[in-house]
Amino acid sequence: MTREISLEEMLKKLENDVKLAENFDDDNGRLDIASMNKQMDNTNAILDILESKFDTINANLDAMLSAIESQQAIKEEPEEETKEEEKKE
C-alpha cells in the first residue's frame, strides 16, 4: 500500500537531496555518476508531484475566483437596474 507523502516531507527530502549532492564522490575521490543519476531521478519525481499538487491547487483557486466573480456580477446586476430605474423617475 502506498503512503501519501506530505508537502513538508517532500520539501525536507529535497533539502536533504541538495545536501547529499555535495557528497557524490566515492572512496577514491571519483564522482559516483550512478548515485547522482538515481538522486536526480528521485528529486525529479518529487518535483513532478509538487508541480501536480500546485497545478491542482491553482485550478481550484481559479474555479473559486470564477465562482466569486460570477456571484459578484449577479449581485451587481440588480443594483445597476435599480439605479437605472431611479434615474428614469
PDB file of N, CA and C in Angstrom:
ATOM      1  N   MET A   1       0.842  -1.177   0.000  1.00  0.00           N
ATOM      2  CA  MET A   1       0.000   0.000   0.000  1.00  0.00           C
ATOM      3  C   MET A   1       0.891   1.246   0.000  1.00  0.00           C
ATOM      4  N   THR A   2       0.562   2.194  -0.833  1.00  0.00           N
ATOM      5  CA  THR A   2       1.351   3.413  -0.976  1.00  0.00           C
ATOM      6  C   THR A   2       0.882   4.461   0.025  1.00  0.00           C
ATOM      7  N   ARG A   3       1.866   5.080   0.688  1.00  0.00           N
ATOM      8  CA  ARG A   3       1.552   6.125   1.655  1.00  0.00           C
ATOM      9  C   ARG A   3       1.777   7.474   0.985  1.00  0.00           C
ATOM     10  N   GLU A   4       0.791   8.358   1.128  1.00  0.00           N
ATOM     11  CA  GLU A   4       0.923   9.704   0.554  1.00  0.00           C
ATOM     12  C   GLU A   4       1.909  10.488   1.409  1.00  0.00           C
ATOM     13  N   ILE A   5       2.852  11.127   0.750  1.00  0.00           N
ATOM     14  CA  ILE A   5       3.861  11.918   1.449  1.00  0.00           C
ATOM     15  C   ILE A   5       3.373  13.368   1.505  1.00  0.00           C
ATOM     16  N   SER A   6       3.547  14.003   2.643  1.00  0.00           N
ATOM     17  CA  SER A   6       3.076  15.378   2.802  1.00  0.00           C
ATOM     18  C   SER A   6       4.025  16.341   2.095  1.00  0.00           C
ATOM     19  N   LEU A   7       3.524  17.540   1.859  1.00  0.00           N
ATOM     20  CA  LEU A   7       4.353  18.561   1.209  1.00  0.00           C
ATOM     21  C   LEU A   7       5.583  18.880   2.048  1.00  0.00           C
ATOM     22  N   GLU A   8       5.407  18.941   3.370  1.00  0.00           N
ATOM     23  CA  GLU A   8       6.546  19.243   4.236  1.00  0.00           C
ATOM     24  C   GLU A   8       7.608  18.157   4.140  1.00  0.00           C
ATOM     25  N   GLU A   9       7.160  16.890   4.101  1.00  0.00           N
ATOM     26  CA  GLU A   9       8.115  15.792   3.970  1.00  0.00           C
ATOM     27  C   GLU A   9       8.839  15.863   2.632  1.00  0.00           C
ATOM     28  N   MET A  10       8.111  16.240   1.570  1.00  0.00           N
ATOM     29  CA  MET A  10       8.739  16.364   0.255  1.00  0.00           C
ATOM     30  C   MET A  10       9.790  17.465   0.258  1.00  0.00           C
ATOM     31  N   LEU A  11       9.466  18.592   0.882  1.00  0.00           N
ATOM     32  CA  LEU A  11      10.422  19.695   0.927  1.00  0.00           C
ATOM     33  C   LEU A  11      11.657  19.321   1.739  1.00  0.00           C
ATOM     34  N   LYS A  12      11.460  18.606   2.855  1.00  0.00           N
ATOM     35  CA  LYS A  12      12.605  18.145   3.645  1.00  0.00           C
ATOM     36  C   LYS A  12      13.464  17.185   2.830  1.00  0.00           C
ATOM     37  N   LYS A  13      12.810  16.310   2.071  1.00  0.00           N
ATOM     38  CA  LYS A  13      13.542  15.361   1.223  1.00  0.00           C
ATOM     39  C   LYS A  13      14.364  16.121   0.186  1.00  0.00           C
ATOM     40  N   LEU A  14      13.773  17.154  -0.413  1.00  0.00           N
ATOM     41  CA  LEU A  14      14.515  17.953  -1.395  1.00  0.00           C
ATOM     42  C   LEU A  14      15.713  18.655  -0.750  1.00  0.00           C
ATOM     43  N   GLU A  15      15.518  19.173   0.461  1.00  0.00           N
ATOM     44  CA  GLU A  15      16.627  19.823   1.160  1.00  0.00           C
ATOM     45  C   GLU A  15      17.750  18.824   1.426  1.00  0.00           C
ATOM     46  N   ASN A  16      17.379  17.621   1.854  1.00  0.00           N
ATOM     47  CA  ASN A  16      18.389  16.587   2.088  1.00  0.00           C
ATOM     48  C   ASN A  16      19.088  16.201   0.794  1.00  0.00           C
ATOM     49  N   ASP A  17      18.333  16.136  -0.305  1.00  0.00           N
ATOM     50  CA  ASP A  17      18.925  15.806  -1.601  1.00  0.00           C
ATOM     51  C   ASP A  17      19.969  16.841  -2.001  1.00  0.00           C
ATOM     52  N   VAL A  18      19.676  18.106  -1.728  1.00  0.00           N
ATOM     53  CA  VAL A  18      20.633  19.165  -2.058  1.00  0.00           C
ATOM     54  C   VAL A  18      21.901  18.995  -1.224  1.00  0.00           C
ATOM     55  N   LYS A  19      21.736  18.665   0.059  1.00  0.00           N
ATOM     56  CA  LYS A  19      22.908  18.444   0.912  1.00  0.00           C
ATOM     57  C   LYS A  19      23.715  17.241   0.428  1.00  0.00           C
ATOM     58  N   LEU A  20      23.012  16.176   0.028  1.00  0.00           N
ATOM     59  CA  LEU A  20      23.704  14.977  -0.442  1.00  0.00           C
ATOM     60  C   LEU A  20      24.427  15.211  -1.757  1.00  0.00           C
ATOM     61  N   ALA A  21      23.938  16.145  -2.546  1.00  0.00           N
ATOM     62  CA  ALA A  21      24.539  16.402  -3.859  1.00  0.00           C
ATOM     63  C   ALA A  21      25.990  16.833  -3.733  1.00  0.00           C
ATOM     64  N   GLU A  22      26.341  17.345  -2.588  1.00  0.00           N
ATOM     65  CA  GLU A  22      27.711  17.792  -2.383  1.00  0.00           C
ATOM     66  C   GLU A  22      28.650  16.625  -2.085  1.00  0.00           C
ATOM     67  N   ASN A  23      28.097  15.442  -1.814  1.00  0.00           N
ATOM     68  CA  ASN A  23      28.911  14.299  -1.398  1.00  0.00           C
ATOM     69  C   ASN A  23      28.764  13.120  -2.353  1.00  0.00           C
ATOM     70  N   PHE A  24      29.018  13.335  -3.616  1.00  0.00           N
ATOM     71  CA  PHE A  24      28.864  12.264  -4.596  1.00  0.00           C
ATOM     72  C   PHE A  24      30.182  11.608  -4.991  1.00  0.00           C
ATOM     73  N   ASP A  25      31.215  11.855  -4.249  1.00  0.00           N
ATOM     74  CA  ASP A  25      32.459  11.188  -4.597  1.00  0.00           C
ATOM     75  C   ASP A  25      32.584   9.891  -3.800  1.00  0.00           C
ATOM     76  N   ASP A  26      33.190   8.897  -4.434  1.00  0.00           N
ATOM     77  CA  ASP A  26      33.362   7.610  -3.765  1.00  0.00           C
ATOM     78  C   ASP A  26      34.631   7.653  -2.910  1.00  0.00           C
ATOM     79  N   ASP A  27      35.014   6.485  -2.391  1.00  0.00           N
ATOM     80  CA  ASP A  27      36.186   6.425  -1.506  1.00  0.00           C
ATOM     81  C   ASP A  27      37.476   6.865  -2.191  1.00  0.00           C
ATOM     82  N   ASN A  28      37.521   6.720  -3.501  1.00  0.00           N
ATOM     83  CA  ASN A  28      38.728   7.097  -4.245  1.00  0.00           C
ATOM     84  C   ASN A  28      38.695   8.555  -4.707  1.00  0.00           C
ATOM     85  N   GLY A  29      37.653   9.281  -4.341  1.00  0.00           N
ATOM     86  CA  GLY A  29      37.556  10.683  -4.716  1.00  0.00           C
ATOM     87  C   GLY A  29      36.954  10.912  -6.087  1.00  0.00           C
ATOM     88  N   ARG A  30      36.459   9.829  -6.721  1.00  0.00           N
ATOM     89  CA  ARG A  30      35.826   9.974  -8.033  1.00  0.00           C
ATOM     90  C   ARG A  30      34.333  10.200  -7.858  1.00  0.00           C
ATOM     91  N   LEU A  31      33.750  10.870  -8.815  1.00  0.00           N
ATOM     92  CA  LEU A  31      32.305  11.105  -8.769  1.00  0.00           C
ATOM     93  C   LEU A  31      31.559   9.806  -9.025  1.00  0.00           C
ATOM     94  N   ASP A  32      30.524   9.562  -8.237  1.00  0.00           N
ATOM     95  CA  ASP A  32      29.679   8.375  -8.404  1.00  0.00           C
ATOM     96  C   ASP A  32      28.475   8.781  -9.249  1.00  0.00           C
ATOM     97  N   ILE A  33      28.615   8.617 -10.560  1.00  0.00           N
ATOM     98  CA  ILE A  33      27.597   9.070 -11.511  1.00  0.00           C
ATOM     99  C   ILE A  33      26.283   8.326 -11.311  1.00  0.00           C
ATOM    100  N   ALA A  34      26.340   7.043 -11.019  1.00  0.00           N
ATOM    101  CA  ALA A  34      25.113   6.256 -10.836  1.00  0.00           C
ATOM    102  C   ALA A  34      24.295   6.798  -9.665  1.00  0.00           C
ATOM    103  N   SER A  35      24.962   7.122  -8.574  1.00  0.00           N
ATOM    104  CA  SER A  35      24.254   7.688  -7.417  1.00  0.00           C
ATOM    105  C   SER A  35      23.676   9.055  -7.745  1.00  0.00           C
ATOM    106  N   MET A  36      24.432   9.831  -8.498  1.00  0.00           N
ATOM    107  CA  MET A  36      23.934  11.150  -8.895  1.00  0.00           C
ATOM    108  C   MET A  36      22.676  11.013  -9.740  1.00  0.00           C
ATOM    109  N   ASN A  37      22.710  10.091 -10.707  1.00  0.00           N
ATOM    110  CA  ASN A  37      21.548   9.899 -11.572  1.00  0.00           C
ATOM    111  C   ASN A  37      20.337   9.411 -10.790  1.00  0.00           C
ATOM    112  N   LYS A  38      20.565   8.498  -9.853  1.00  0.00           N
ATOM    113  CA  LYS A  38      19.457   7.986  -9.038  1.00  0.00           C
ATOM    114  C   LYS A  38      18.842   9.112  -8.214  1.00  0.00           C
ATOM    115  N   GLN A  39      19.685   9.922  -7.598  1.00  0.00           N
ATOM    116  CA  GLN A  39      19.173  11.026  -6.795  1.00  0.00           C
ATOM    117  C   GLN A  39      18.446  12.040  -7.665  1.00  0.00           C
ATOM    118  N   MET A  40      18.964  12.304  -8.849  1.00  0.00           N
ATOM    119  CA  MET A  40      18.290  13.242  -9.751  1.00  0.00           C
ATOM    120  C   MET A  40      16.919  12.709 -10.150  1.00  0.00           C
ATOM    121  N   ASP A  41      16.830  11.407 -10.403  1.00  0.00           N
ATOM    122  CA  ASP A  41      15.538  10.807 -10.742  1.00  0.00           C
ATOM    123  C   ASP A  41      14.554  10.937  -9.589  1.00  0.00           C
ATOM    124  N   ASN A  42      15.032  10.657  -8.368  1.00  0.00           N
ATOM    125  CA  ASN A  42      14.164  10.781  -7.190  1.00  0.00           C
ATOM    126  C   ASN A  42      13.714  12.223  -6.983  1.00  0.00           C
ATOM    127  N   THR A  43      14.643  13.142  -7.138  1.00  0.00           N
ATOM    128  CA  THR A  43      14.318  14.558  -6.970  1.00  0.00           C
ATOM    129  C   THR A  43      13.337  15.019  -8.037  1.00  0.00           C
ATOM    130  N   ASN A  44      13.539  14.592  -9.268  1.00  0.00           N
ATOM    131  CA  ASN A  44      12.610  14.960 -10.339  1.00  0.00           C
ATOM    132  C   ASN A  44      11.219  14.399 -10.088  1.00  0.00           C
ATOM    133  N   ALA A  45      11.142  13.193  -9.547  1.00  0.00           N
ATOM    134  CA  ALA A  45       9.839  12.604  -9.234  1.00  0.00           C
ATOM    135  C   ALA A  45       9.117  13.429  -8.179  1.00  0.00           C
ATOM    136  N   ILE A  46       9.852  13.855  -7.160  1.00  0.00           N
ATOM    137  CA  ILE A  46       9.243  14.685  -6.114  1.00  0.00           C
ATOM    138  C   ILE A  46       8.813  16.026  -6.691  1.00  0.00           C
ATOM    139  N   LEU A  47       9.643  16.616  -7.526  1.00  0.00           N
ATOM    140  CA  LEU A  47       9.277  17.895  -8.141  1.00  0.00           C
ATOM    141  C   LEU A  47       8.043  17.751  -9.025  1.00  0.00           C
ATOM    142  N   ASP A  48       7.921  16.634  -9.727  1.00  0.00           N
ATOM    143  CA  ASP A  48       6.731  16.390 -10.549  1.00  0.00           C
ATOM    144  C   ASP A  48       5.475  16.299  -9.687  1.00  0.00           C
ATOM    145  N   ILE A  49       5.596  15.629  -8.534  1.00  0.00           N
ATOM    146  CA  ILE A  49       4.451  15.521  -7.620  1.00  0.00           C
ATOM    147  C   ILE A  49       4.074  16.898  -7.095  1.00  0.00           C
ATOM    148  N   LEU A  50       5.082  17.673  -6.693  1.00  0.00           N
ATOM    149  CA  LEU A  50       4.811  19.023  -6.192  1.00  0.00           C
ATOM    150  C   LEU A  50       4.170  19.889  -7.269  1.00  0.00           C
ATOM    151  N   GLU A  51       4.647  19.770  -8.493  1.00  0.00           N
ATOM    152  CA  GLU A  51       4.068  20.540  -9.595  1.00  0.00           C
ATOM    153  C   GLU A  51       2.612  20.143  -9.826  1.00  0.00           C
ATOM    154  N   SER A  52       2.338  18.863  -9.749  1.00  0.00           N
ATOM    155  CA  SER A  52       0.968  18.376  -9.920  1.00  0.00           C
ATOM    156  C   SER A  52       0.061  18.919  -8.823  1.00  0.00           C
ATOM    157  N   LYS A  53       0.557  18.884  -7.579  1.00  0.00           N
ATOM    158  CA  LYS A  53      -0.234  19.418  -6.464  1.00  0.00           C
ATOM    159  C   LYS A  53      -0.463  20.915  -6.647  1.00  0.00           C
ATOM    160  N   PHE A  54       0.565  21.633  -7.083  1.00  0.00           N
ATOM    161  CA  PHE A  54       0.430  23.063  -7.322  1.00  0.00           C
ATOM    162  C   PHE A  54      -0.602  23.326  -8.407  1.00  0.00           C
ATOM    163  N   ASP A  55      -0.541  22.551  -9.496  1.00  0.00           N
ATOM    164  CA  ASP A  55      -1.498  22.732 -10.587  1.00  0.00           C
ATOM    165  C   ASP A  55      -2.926  22.488 -10.118  1.00  0.00           C
ATOM    166  N   THR A  56      -3.113  21.471  -9.267  1.00  0.00           N
ATOM    167  CA  THR A  56      -4.443  21.178  -8.730  1.00  0.00           C
ATOM    168  C   THR A  56      -4.934  22.328  -7.859  1.00  0.00           C
ATOM    169  N   ILE A  57      -4.067  22.813  -6.986  1.00  0.00           N
ATOM    170  CA  ILE A  57      -4.435  23.933  -6.113  1.00  0.00           C
ATOM    171  C   ILE A  57      -4.729  25.170  -6.950  1.00  0.00           C
ATOM    172  N   ASN A  58      -3.911  25.423  -7.943  1.00  0.00           N
ATOM    173  CA  ASN A  58      -4.100  26.581  -8.815  1.00  0.00           C
ATOM    174  C   ASN A  58      -5.435  26.494  -9.552  1.00  0.00           C
ATOM    175  N   ALA A  59      -5.775  25.299 -10.052  1.00  0.00           N
ATOM    176  CA  ALA A  59      -7.052  25.113 -10.748  1.00  0.00           C
ATOM    177  C   ALA A  59      -8.221  25.333  -9.793  1.00  0.00           C
ATOM    178  N   ASN A  60      -8.088  24.840  -8.562  1.00  0.00           N
ATOM    179  CA  ASN A  60      -9.150  25.047  -7.574  1.00  0.00           C
ATOM    180  C   ASN A  60      -9.320  26.528  -7.247  1.00  0.00           C
ATOM    181  N   LEU A  61      -8.214  27.229  -7.098  1.00  0.00           N
ATOM    182  CA  LEU A  61      -8.290  28.665  -6.816  1.00  0.00           C
ATOM    183  C   LEU A  61      -8.902  29.426  -7.985  1.00  0.00           C
ATOM    184  N   ASP A  62      -8.552  29.037  -9.209  1.00  0.00           N
ATOM    185  CA  ASP A  62      -9.150  29.674 -10.389  1.00  0.00           C
ATOM    186  C   ASP A  62     -10.657  29.446 -10.427  1.00  0.00           C
ATOM    187  N   ALA A  63     -11.083  28.223 -10.097  1.00  0.00           N
ATOM    188  CA  ALA A  63     -12.517  27.916 -10.087  1.00  0.00           C
ATOM    189  C   ALA A  63     -13.232  28.718  -9.002  1.00  0.00           C
ATOM    190  N   MET A  64     -12.603  28.835  -7.830  1.00  0.00           N
ATOM    191  CA  MET A  64     -13.205  29.617  -6.745  1.00  0.00           C
ATOM    192  C   MET A  64     -13.307  31.084  -7.140  1.00  0.00           C
ATOM    193  N   LEU A  65     -12.258  31.614  -7.747  1.00  0.00           N
ATOM    194  CA  LEU A  65     -12.267  33.011  -8.176  1.00  0.00           C
ATOM    195  C   LEU A  65     -13.341  33.246  -9.220  1.00  0.00           C
ATOM    196  N   SER A  66     -13.477  32.337 -10.152  1.00  0.00           N
ATOM    197  CA  SER A  66     -14.505  32.450 -11.183  1.00  0.00           C
ATOM    198  C   SER A  66     -15.901  32.442 -10.562  1.00  0.00           C
ATOM    199  N   ALA A  67     -16.112  31.564  -9.581  1.00  0.00           N
ATOM    200  CA  ALA A  67     -17.410  31.499  -8.906  1.00  0.00           C
ATOM    201  C   ALA A  67     -17.692  32.797  -8.151  1.00  0.00           C
ATOM    202  N   ILE A  68     -16.685  33.330  -7.485  1.00  0.00           N
ATOM    203  CA  ILE A  68     -16.855  34.587  -6.745  1.00  0.00           C
ATOM    204  C   ILE A  68     -17.159  35.727  -7.707  1.00  0.00           C
ATOM    205  N   GLU A  69     -16.437  35.773  -8.825  1.00  0.00           N
ATOM    206  CA  GLU A  69     -16.674  36.836  -9.803  1.00  0.00           C
ATOM    207  C   GLU A  69     -18.074  36.745 -10.394  1.00  0.00           C
ATOM    208  N   SER A  70     -18.545  35.537 -10.668  1.00  0.00           N
ATOM    209  CA  SER A  70     -19.896  35.401 -11.226  1.00  0.00           C
ATOM    210  C   SER A  70     -20.946  35.772 -10.185  1.00  0.00           C
ATOM    211  N   GLN A  71     -20.719  35.415  -8.922  1.00  0.00           N
ATOM    212  CA  GLN A  71     -21.652  35.815  -7.864  1.00  0.00           C
ATOM    213  C   GLN A  71     -21.660  37.327  -7.711  1.00  0.00           C
ATOM    214  N   GLN A  72     -20.496  37.927  -7.796  1.00  0.00           N
ATOM    215  CA  GLN A  72     -20.400  39.382  -7.682  1.00  0.00           C
ATOM    216  C   GLN A  72     -21.136  40.048  -8.835  1.00  0.00           C
ATOM    217  N   ALA A  73     -20.997  39.496 -10.031  1.00  0.00           N
ATOM    218  CA  ALA A  73     -21.684  40.056 -11.198  1.00  0.00           C
ATOM    219  C   ALA A  73     -23.193  39.937 -11.037  1.00  0.00           C
ATOM    220  N   ILE A  74     -23.648  38.826 -10.497  1.00  0.00           N
ATOM    221  CA  ILE A  74     -25.088  38.639 -10.268  1.00  0.00           C
ATOM    222  C   ILE A  74     -25.595  39.646  -9.245  1.00  0.00           C
ATOM    223  N   LYS A  75     -24.806  39.918  -8.197  1.00  0.00           N
ATOM    224  CA  LYS A  75     -25.212  40.883  -7.170  1.00  0.00           C
ATOM    225  C   LYS A  75     -25.230  42.301  -7.729  1.00  0.00           C
ATOM    226  N   GLU A  76     -24.270  42.631  -8.575  1.00  0.00           N
ATOM    227  CA  GLU A  76     -24.174  43.990  -9.107  1.00  0.00           C
ATOM    228  C   GLU A  76     -25.250  44.263 -10.148  1.00  0.00           C
ATOM    229  N   GLU A  77     -25.696  43.253 -10.843  1.00  0.00           N
ATOM    230  CA  GLU A  77     -26.689  43.429 -11.898  1.00  0.00           C
ATOM    231  C   GLU A  77     -27.993  44.039 -11.372  1.00  0.00           C
ATOM    232  N   PRO A  78     -28.600  43.511 -10.312  1.00  0.00           N
ATOM    233  CA  PRO A  78     -29.828  44.142  -9.800  1.00  0.00           C
ATOM    234  C   PRO A  78     -29.592  45.561  -9.276  1.00  0.00           C
ATOM    235  N   GLU A  79     -28.406  45.807  -8.717  1.00  0.00           N
ATOM    236  CA  GLU A  79     -28.098  47.147  -8.228  1.00  0.00           C
ATOM    237  C   GLU A  79     -28.079  48.143  -9.383  1.00  0.00           C
ATOM    238  N   GLU A  80     -27.509  47.750 -10.506  1.00  0.00           N
ATOM    239  CA  GLU A  80     -27.456  48.630 -11.672  1.00  0.00           C
ATOM    240  C   GLU A  80     -28.856  48.885 -12.216  1.00  0.00           C
ATOM    241  N   GLU A  81     -29.702  47.848 -12.233  1.00  0.00           N
ATOM    242  CA  GLU A  81     -31.071  48.012 -12.713  1.00  0.00           C
ATOM    243  C   GLU A  81     -31.841  48.968 -11.808  1.00  0.00           C
ATOM    244  N   THR A  82     -31.624  48.866 -10.512  1.00  0.00           N
ATOM    245  CA  THR A  82     -32.294  49.752  -9.559  1.00  0.00           C
ATOM    246  C   THR A  82     -31.846  51.191  -9.777  1.00  0.00           C
ATOM    247  N   LYS A  83     -30.562  51.405 -10.000  1.00  0.00           N
ATOM    248  CA  LYS A  83     -30.047  52.752 -10.232  1.00  0.00           C
ATOM    249  C   LYS A  83     -30.619  53.337 -11.518  1.00  0.00           C
ATOM    250  N   GLU A  84     -30.743  52.518 -12.558  1.00  0.00           N
ATOM    251  CA  GLU A  84     -31.300  52.986 -13.825  1.00  0.00           C
ATOM    252  C   GLU A  84     -32.771  53.364 -13.655  1.00  0.00           C
ATOM    253  N   GLU A  85     -33.517  52.589 -12.881  1.00  0.00           N
ATOM    254  CA  GLU A  85     -34.930  52.887 -12.646  1.00  0.00           C
ATOM    255  C   GLU A  85     -35.078  54.187 -11.862  1.00  0.00           C
ATOM    256  N   GLU A  86     -34.187  54.413 -10.902  1.00  0.00           N
ATOM    257  CA  GLU A  86     -34.240  55.639 -10.116  1.00  0.00           C
ATOM    258  C   GLU A  86     -33.941  56.851 -10.991  1.00  0.00           C
ATOM    259  N   LYS A  87     -33.042  56.712 -11.949  1.00  0.00           N
ATOM    260  CA  LYS A  87     -32.703  57.816 -12.843  1.00  0.00           C
ATOM    261  C   LYS A  87     -33.886  58.164 -13.741  1.00  0.00           C
ATOM    262  N   LYS A  88     -34.646  57.150 -14.162  1.00  0.00           N
ATOM    263  CA  LYS A  88     -35.796  57.372 -15.033  1.00  0.00           C
ATOM    264  C   LYS A  88     -36.902  58.118 -14.302  1.00  0.00           C
ATOM    265  N   GLU A  89     -37.009  57.897 -13.015  1.00  0.00           N
ATOM    266  CA  GLU A  89     -38.074  58.547 -12.234  1.00  0.00           C
ATOM    267  C   GLU A  89     -37.695  59.966 -12.018  1.00  0.00           C
TER     268      GLU A  89
END
